[in-house]
Amino acid sequence: MHNALLKALPDAAPGWTFDEIIETVKTNLSPKLFPDGKTSGWWAKTVQLDLEAKGQIIRSNTKPLRFYKT
């Protein structure tokens, strides 16, 4: 999920909404690990929060929220 999320995120602002990220991430996930794609949203959210805490991605102060790589 870490690699798929970083691959999905743009390099600059304005970035993508979380819903846009989820749709893109689903195409990069292993069907073996995420056979139905239903749990991918929860995994993506936890990885997104982890990457934010580590300073690898930025959350724009917009509505809706947008994310991009640092």
PDB file of N, CA and C in Angstrom:
ATOM      1  N   MET A   1       0.824  -1.184   0.000  1.00  0.00           N
ATOM      2  CA  MET A   1       0.000   0.000   0.000  1.00  0.00           C
ATOM      3  C   MET A   1       0.873   1.254   0.000  1.00  0.00           C
ATOM      4  N   HIS A   2       1.962   1.206   0.732  1.00  0.00           N
ATOM      5  CA  HIS A   2       2.882   2.356   0.794  1.00  0.00           C
ATOM      6  C   HIS A   2       3.345   2.752  -0.603  1.00  0.00           C
ATOM      7  N   ASN A   3       3.827   1.795  -1.352  1.00  0.00           N
ATOM      8  CA  ASN A   3       4.318   2.071  -2.704  1.00  0.00           C
ATOM      9  C   ASN A   3       3.187   2.513  -3.641  1.00  0.00           C
ATOM     10  N   ALA A   4       2.041   1.866  -3.532  1.00  0.00           N
ATOM     11  CA  ALA A   4       0.914   2.220  -4.396  1.00  0.00           C
ATOM     12  C   ALA A   4       0.426   3.638  -4.109  1.00  0.00           C
ATOM     13  N   LEU A   5       0.397   4.026  -2.839  1.00  0.00           N
ATOM     14  CA  LEU A   5      -0.069   5.359  -2.491  1.00  0.00           C
ATOM     15  C   LEU A   5       0.919   6.424  -2.971  1.00  0.00           C
ATOM     16  N   LEU A   6       2.199   6.188  -2.769  1.00  0.00           N
ATOM     17  CA  LEU A   6       3.192   7.158  -3.243  1.00  0.00           C
ATOM     18  C   LEU A   6       3.186   7.255  -4.766  1.00  0.00           C
ATOM     19  N   LYS A   7       2.939   6.140  -5.419  1.00  0.00           N
ATOM     20  CA  LYS A   7       2.861   6.137  -6.878  1.00  0.00           C
ATOM     21  C   LYS A   7       1.645   6.926  -7.368  1.00  0.00           C
ATOM     22  N   ALA A   8       0.567   6.899  -6.598  1.00  0.00           N
ATOM     23  CA  ALA A   8      -0.674   7.559  -6.988  1.00  0.00           C
ATOM     24  C   ALA A   8      -0.650   9.067  -6.768  1.00  0.00           C
ATOM     25  N   LEU A   9       0.142   9.523  -5.805  1.00  0.00           N
ATOM     26  CA  LEU A   9       0.123  10.948  -5.457  1.00  0.00           C
ATOM     27  C   LEU A   9       0.901  11.806  -6.450  1.00  0.00           C
ATOM     28  N   PRO A  10       0.375  12.993  -6.753  1.00  0.00           N
ATOM     29  CA  PRO A  10       1.114  13.922  -7.613  1.00  0.00           C
ATOM     30  C   PRO A  10       2.284  14.554  -6.847  1.00  0.00           C
ATOM     31  N   ASP A  11       3.227  15.114  -7.578  1.00  0.00           N
ATOM     32  CA  ASP A  11       4.427  15.701  -6.977  1.00  0.00           C
ATOM     33  C   ASP A  11       4.238  17.133  -6.499  1.00  0.00           C
ATOM     34  N   ALA A  12       3.144  17.772  -6.863  1.00  0.00           N
ATOM     35  CA  ALA A  12       2.967  19.181  -6.515  1.00  0.00           C
ATOM     36  C   ALA A  12       1.503  19.492  -6.230  1.00  0.00           C
ATOM     37  N   ALA A  13       1.300  20.637  -5.604  1.00  0.00           N
ATOM     38  CA  ALA A  13      -0.057  21.120  -5.320  1.00  0.00           C
ATOM     39  C   ALA A  13      -0.762  21.405  -6.636  1.00  0.00           C
ATOM     40  N   PRO A  14      -2.037  21.304  -6.740  1.00  0.00           N
ATOM     41  CA  PRO A  14      -2.990  21.220  -5.652  1.00  0.00           C
ATOM     42  C   PRO A  14      -3.168  19.808  -5.105  1.00  0.00           C
ATOM     43  N   GLY A  15      -2.687  18.790  -5.765  1.00  0.00           N
ATOM     44  CA  GLY A  15      -2.804  17.427  -5.258  1.00  0.00           C
ATOM     45  C   GLY A  15      -4.139  16.805  -5.576  1.00  0.00           C
ATOM     46  N   TRP A  16      -4.361  15.627  -5.007  1.00  0.00           N
ATOM     47  CA  TRP A  16      -5.584  14.870  -5.247  1.00  0.00           C
ATOM     48  C   TRP A  16      -6.368  14.725  -3.961  1.00  0.00           C
ATOM     49  N   THR A  17      -7.682  14.597  -4.104  1.00  0.00           N
ATOM     50  CA  THR A  17      -8.521  14.310  -2.943  1.00  0.00           C
ATOM     51  C   THR A  17      -8.291  12.850  -2.541  1.00  0.00           C
ATOM     52  N   PHE A  18      -8.728  12.520  -1.335  1.00  0.00           N
ATOM     53  CA  PHE A  18      -8.550  11.149  -0.874  1.00  0.00           C
ATOM     54  C   PHE A  18      -9.330  10.174  -1.753  1.00  0.00           C
ATOM     55  N   ASP A  19     -10.512  10.567  -2.198  1.00  0.00           N
ATOM     56  CA  ASP A  19     -11.305   9.688  -3.077  1.00  0.00           C
ATOM     57  C   ASP A  19     -10.586   9.425  -4.401  1.00  0.00           C
ATOM     58  N   GLU A  20      -9.936  10.444  -4.946  1.00  0.00           N
ATOM     59  CA  GLU A  20      -9.172  10.267  -6.185  1.00  0.00           C
ATOM     60  C   GLU A  20      -7.976   9.340  -5.959  1.00  0.00           C
ATOM     61  N   ILE A  21      -7.360   9.486  -4.806  1.00  0.00           N
ATOM     62  CA  ILE A  21      -6.219   8.620  -4.474  1.00  0.00           C
ATOM     63  C   ILE A  21      -6.672   7.170  -4.370  1.00  0.00           C
ATOM     64  N   ILE A  22      -7.785   6.923  -3.693  1.00  0.00           N
ATOM     65  CA  ILE A  22      -8.301   5.564  -3.520  1.00  0.00           C
ATOM     66  C   ILE A  22      -8.541   4.896  -4.867  1.00  0.00           C
ATOM     67  N   GLU A  23      -9.166   5.595  -5.781  1.00  0.00           N
ATOM     68  CA  GLU A  23      -9.450   5.019  -7.097  1.00  0.00           C
ATOM     69  C   GLU A  23      -8.164   4.669  -7.843  1.00  0.00           C
ATOM     70  N   THR A  24      -7.163   5.508  -7.756  1.00  0.00           N
ATOM     71  CA  THR A  24      -5.892   5.249  -8.432  1.00  0.00           C
ATOM     72  C   THR A  24      -5.121   4.128  -7.744  1.00  0.00           C
ATOM     73  N   VAL A  25      -5.142   4.131  -6.425  1.00  0.00           N
ATOM     74  CA  VAL A  25      -4.414   3.112  -5.660  1.00  0.00           C
ATOM     75  C   VAL A  25      -4.941   1.715  -5.983  1.00  0.00           C
ATOM     76  N   LYS A  26      -6.243   1.593  -6.128  1.00  0.00           N
ATOM     77  CA  LYS A  26      -6.837   0.279  -6.403  1.00  0.00           C
ATOM     78  C   LYS A  26      -6.253  -0.366  -7.656  1.00  0.00           C
ATOM     79  N   THR A  27      -5.863   0.432  -8.641  1.00  0.00           N
ATOM     80  CA  THR A  27      -5.306  -0.134  -9.870  1.00  0.00           C
ATOM     81  C   THR A  27      -3.870  -0.611  -9.690  1.00  0.00           C
ATOM     82  N   ASN A  28      -3.211  -0.165  -8.615  1.00  0.00           N
ATOM     83  CA  ASN A  28      -1.814  -0.539  -8.375  1.00  0.00           C
ATOM     84  C   ASN A  28      -1.645  -1.606  -7.301  1.00  0.00           C
ATOM     85  N   LEU A  29      -2.740  -2.114  -6.757  1.00  0.00           N
ATOM     86  CA  LEU A  29      -2.655  -3.095  -5.678  1.00  0.00           C
ATOM     87  C   LEU A  29      -2.641  -4.522  -6.202  1.00  0.00           C
ATOM     88  N   SER A  30      -1.979  -5.357  -5.454  1.00  0.00           N
ATOM     89  CA  SER A  30      -1.943  -6.773  -5.776  1.00  0.00           C
ATOM     90  C   SER A  30      -3.304  -7.399  -5.488  1.00  0.00           C
ATOM     91  N   PRO A  31      -3.894  -8.090  -6.475  1.00  0.00           N
ATOM     92  CA  PRO A  31      -5.174  -8.754  -6.224  1.00  0.00           C
ATOM     93  C   PRO A  31      -5.050  -9.882  -5.203  1.00  0.00           C
ATOM     94  N   LYS A  32      -3.836 -10.354  -5.001  1.00  0.00           N
ATOM     95  CA  LYS A  32      -3.611 -11.386  -4.005  1.00  0.00           C
ATOM     96  C   LYS A  32      -3.766 -10.832  -2.584  1.00  0.00           C
ATOM     97  N   LEU A  33      -3.246  -9.606  -2.367  1.00  0.00           N
ATOM     98  CA  LEU A  33      -3.347  -8.990  -1.052  1.00  0.00           C
ATOM     99  C   LEU A  33      -4.689  -8.306  -0.817  1.00  0.00           C
ATOM    100  N   PHE A  34      -5.267  -7.758  -1.879  1.00  0.00           N
ATOM    101  CA  PHE A  34      -6.541  -7.051  -1.798  1.00  0.00           C
ATOM    102  C   PHE A  34      -7.485  -7.606  -2.861  1.00  0.00           C
ATOM    103  N   PRO A  35      -8.007  -8.829  -2.642  1.00  0.00           N
ATOM    104  CA  PRO A  35      -8.784  -9.502  -3.681  1.00  0.00           C
ATOM    105  C   PRO A  35     -10.064  -8.777  -4.092  1.00  0.00           C
ATOM    106  N   ASP A  36     -10.727  -8.132  -3.161  1.00  0.00           N
ATOM    107  CA  ASP A  36     -11.981  -7.472  -3.524  1.00  0.00           C
ATOM    108  C   ASP A  36     -11.860  -5.951  -3.510  1.00  0.00           C
ATOM    109  N   GLY A  37     -10.750  -5.444  -3.020  1.00  0.00           N
ATOM    110  CA  GLY A  37     -10.528  -4.004  -2.984  1.00  0.00           C
ATOM    111  C   GLY A  37     -11.309  -3.275  -1.909  1.00  0.00           C
ATOM    112  N   LYS A  38     -12.162  -3.982  -1.186  1.00  0.00           N
ATOM    113  CA  LYS A  38     -13.020  -3.339  -0.189  1.00  0.00           C
ATOM    114  C   LYS A  38     -12.229  -2.776   0.987  1.00  0.00           C
ATOM    115  N   THR A  39     -11.204  -3.450   1.428  1.00  0.00           N
ATOM    116  CA  THR A  39     -10.445  -2.985   2.592  1.00  0.00           C
ATOM    117  C   THR A  39      -9.335  -2.016   2.209  1.00  0.00           C
ATOM    118  N   SER A  40      -9.163  -1.766   0.934  1.00  0.00           N
ATOM    119  CA  SER A  40      -8.059  -0.907   0.514  1.00  0.00           C
ATOM    120  C   SER A  40      -8.199   0.519   1.039  1.00  0.00           C
ATOM    121  N   GLY A  41      -9.401   1.012   1.251  1.00  0.00           N
ATOM    122  CA  GLY A  41      -9.609   2.361   1.775  1.00  0.00           C
ATOM    123  C   GLY A  41      -9.046   2.540   3.174  1.00  0.00           C
ATOM    124  N   TRP A  42      -9.270   1.544   4.030  1.00  0.00           N
ATOM    125  CA  TRP A  42      -8.738   1.611   5.394  1.00  0.00           C
ATOM    126  C   TRP A  42      -7.225   1.563   5.396  1.00  0.00           C
ATOM    127  N   TRP A  43      -6.665   0.682   4.580  1.00  0.00           N
ATOM    128  CA  TRP A  43      -5.205   0.589   4.496  1.00  0.00           C
ATOM    129  C   TRP A  43      -4.625   1.888   3.953  1.00  0.00           C
ATOM    130  N   ALA A  44      -5.248   2.446   2.937  1.00  0.00           N
ATOM    131  CA  ALA A  44      -4.768   3.690   2.347  1.00  0.00           C
ATOM    132  C   ALA A  44      -4.805   4.826   3.368  1.00  0.00           C
ATOM    133  N   LYS A  45      -5.858   4.892   4.176  1.00  0.00           N
ATOM    134  CA  LYS A  45      -5.970   5.950   5.179  1.00  0.00           C
ATOM    135  C   LYS A  45      -4.863   5.835   6.224  1.00  0.00           C
ATOM    136  N   THR A  46      -4.593   4.637   6.697  1.00  0.00           N
ATOM    137  CA  THR A  46      -3.541   4.484   7.706  1.00  0.00           C
ATOM    138  C   THR A  46      -2.173   4.814   7.126  1.00  0.00           C
ATOM    139  N   VAL A  47      -1.922   4.407   5.892  1.00  0.00           N
ATOM    140  CA  VAL A  47      -0.638   4.714   5.252  1.00  0.00           C
ATOM    141  C   VAL A  47      -0.541   6.211   4.982  1.00  0.00           C
ATOM    142  N   GLN A  48      -1.636   6.838   4.564  1.00  0.00           N
ATOM    143  CA  GLN A  48      -1.650   8.288   4.331  1.00  0.00           C
ATOM    144  C   GLN A  48      -1.287   9.035   5.611  1.00  0.00           C
ATOM    145  N   LEU A  49      -1.883   8.650   6.733  1.00  0.00           N
ATOM    146  CA  LEU A  49      -1.576   9.300   8.007  1.00  0.00           C
ATOM    147  C   LEU A  49      -0.126   9.074   8.418  1.00  0.00           C
ATOM    148  N   ASP A  50       0.387   7.874   8.185  1.00  0.00           N
ATOM    149  CA  ASP A  50       1.778   7.565   8.499  1.00  0.00           C
ATOM    150  C   ASP A  50       2.729   8.410   7.657  1.00  0.00           C
ATOM    151  N   LEU A  51       2.453   8.523   6.357  1.00  0.00           N
ATOM    152  CA  LEU A  51       3.312   9.315   5.475  1.00  0.00           C
ATOM    153  C   LEU A  51       3.255  10.800   5.833  1.00  0.00           C
ATOM    154  N   GLU A  52       2.097  11.265   6.270  1.00  0.00           N
ATOM    155  CA  GLU A  52       1.991  12.662   6.720  1.00  0.00           C
ATOM    156  C   GLU A  52       2.853  12.882   7.957  1.00  0.00           C
ATOM    157  N   ALA A  53       2.762  11.962   8.903  1.00  0.00           N
ATOM    158  CA  ALA A  53       3.530  12.083  10.145  1.00  0.00           C
ATOM    159  C   ALA A  53       5.033  12.066   9.878  1.00  0.00           C
ATOM    160  N   LYS A  54       5.449  11.332   8.862  1.00  0.00           N
ATOM    161  CA  LYS A  54       6.868  11.239   8.509  1.00  0.00           C
ATOM    162  C   LYS A  54       7.316  12.386   7.605  1.00  0.00           C
ATOM    163  N   GLY A  55       6.381  13.231   7.173  1.00  0.00           N
ATOM    164  CA  GLY A  55       6.716  14.368   6.333  1.00  0.00           C
ATOM    165  C   GLY A  55       6.951  14.023   4.876  1.00  0.00           C
ATOM    166  N   GLN A  56       6.465  12.869   4.426  1.00  0.00           N
ATOM    167  CA  GLN A  56       6.656  12.453   3.040  1.00  0.00           C
ATOM    168  C   GLN A  56       5.555  12.941   2.113  1.00  0.00           C
ATOM    169  N   ILE A  57       4.401  13.269   2.704  1.00  0.00           N
ATOM    170  CA  ILE A  57       3.319  13.864   1.914  1.00  0.00           C
ATOM    171  C   ILE A  57       2.773  15.066   2.666  1.00  0.00           C
ATOM    172  N   ILE A  58       2.111  15.940   1.926  1.00  0.00           N
ATOM    173  CA  ILE A  58       1.557  17.168   2.499  1.00  0.00           C
ATOM    174  C   ILE A  58       0.055  17.178   2.298  1.00  0.00           C
ATOM    175  N   ARG A  59      -0.653  17.633   3.317  1.00  0.00           N
ATOM    176  CA  ARG A  59      -2.101  17.824   3.256  1.00  0.00           C
ATOM    177  C   ARG A  59      -2.349  19.309   3.023  1.00  0.00           C
ATOM    178  N   SER A  60      -2.972  19.637   1.910  1.00  0.00           N
ATOM    179  CA  SER A  60      -3.310  21.029   1.623  1.00  0.00           C
ATOM    180  C   SER A  60      -4.465  21.470   2.500  1.00  0.00           C
ATOM    181  N   ASN A  61      -4.470  22.723   2.875  1.00  0.00           N
ATOM    182  CA  ASN A  61      -5.534  23.262   3.699  1.00  0.00           C
ATOM    183  C   ASN A  61      -6.672  23.750   2.797  1.00  0.00           C
ATOM    184  N   THR A  62      -7.327  22.812   2.138  1.00  0.00           N
ATOM    185  CA  THR A  62      -8.412  23.110   1.207  1.00  0.00           C
ATOM    186  C   THR A  62      -9.620  22.258   1.557  1.00  0.00           C
ATOM    187  N   LYS A  63     -10.731  22.573   0.946  1.00  0.00           N
ATOM    188  CA  LYS A  63     -11.924  21.751   1.077  1.00  0.00           C
ATOM    189  C   LYS A  63     -12.363  21.363  -0.306  1.00  0.00           C
ATOM    190  N   PRO A  64     -12.402  20.108  -0.661  1.00  0.00           N
ATOM    191  CA  PRO A  64     -11.973  18.975   0.144  1.00  0.00           C
ATOM    192  C   PRO A  64     -10.461  18.943   0.297  1.00  0.00           C
ATOM    193  N   LEU A  65     -10.010  18.174   1.292  1.00  0.00           N
ATOM    194  CA  LEU A  65      -8.573  18.051   1.515  1.00  0.00           C
ATOM    195  C   LEU A  65      -7.896  17.456   0.294  1.00  0.00           C
ATOM    196  N   ARG A  66      -6.698  17.925   0.027  1.00  0.00           N
ATOM    197  CA  ARG A  66      -5.902  17.411  -1.103  1.00  0.00           C
ATOM    198  C   ARG A  66      -4.527  17.052  -0.587  1.00  0.00           C
ATOM    199  N   PHE A  67      -3.928  16.028  -1.219  1.00  0.00           N
ATOM    200  CA  PHE A  67      -2.626  15.524  -0.783  1.00  0.00           C
ATOM    201  C   PHE A  67      -1.669  15.480  -1.956  1.00  0.00           C
ATOM    202  N   TYR A  68      -0.386  15.689  -1.653  1.00  0.00           N
ATOM    203  CA  TYR A  68       0.664  15.561  -2.664  1.00  0.00           C
ATOM    204  C   TYR A  68       1.984  15.250  -1.972  1.00  0.00           C
ATOM    205  N   LYS A  69       2.940  14.771  -2.762  1.00  0.00           N
ATOM    206  CA  LYS A  69       4.254  14.405  -2.216  1.00  0.00           C
ATOM    207  C   LYS A  69       5.084  15.645  -1.919  1.00  0.00           C
ATOM    208  N   THR A  70       5.996  15.513  -0.969  1.00  0.00           N
ATOM    209  CA  THR A  70       6.901  16.616  -0.646  1.00  0.00           C
ATOM    210  C   THR A  70       8.064  16.643  -1.590  1.00  0.00           C
TER     211      THR A  70
END
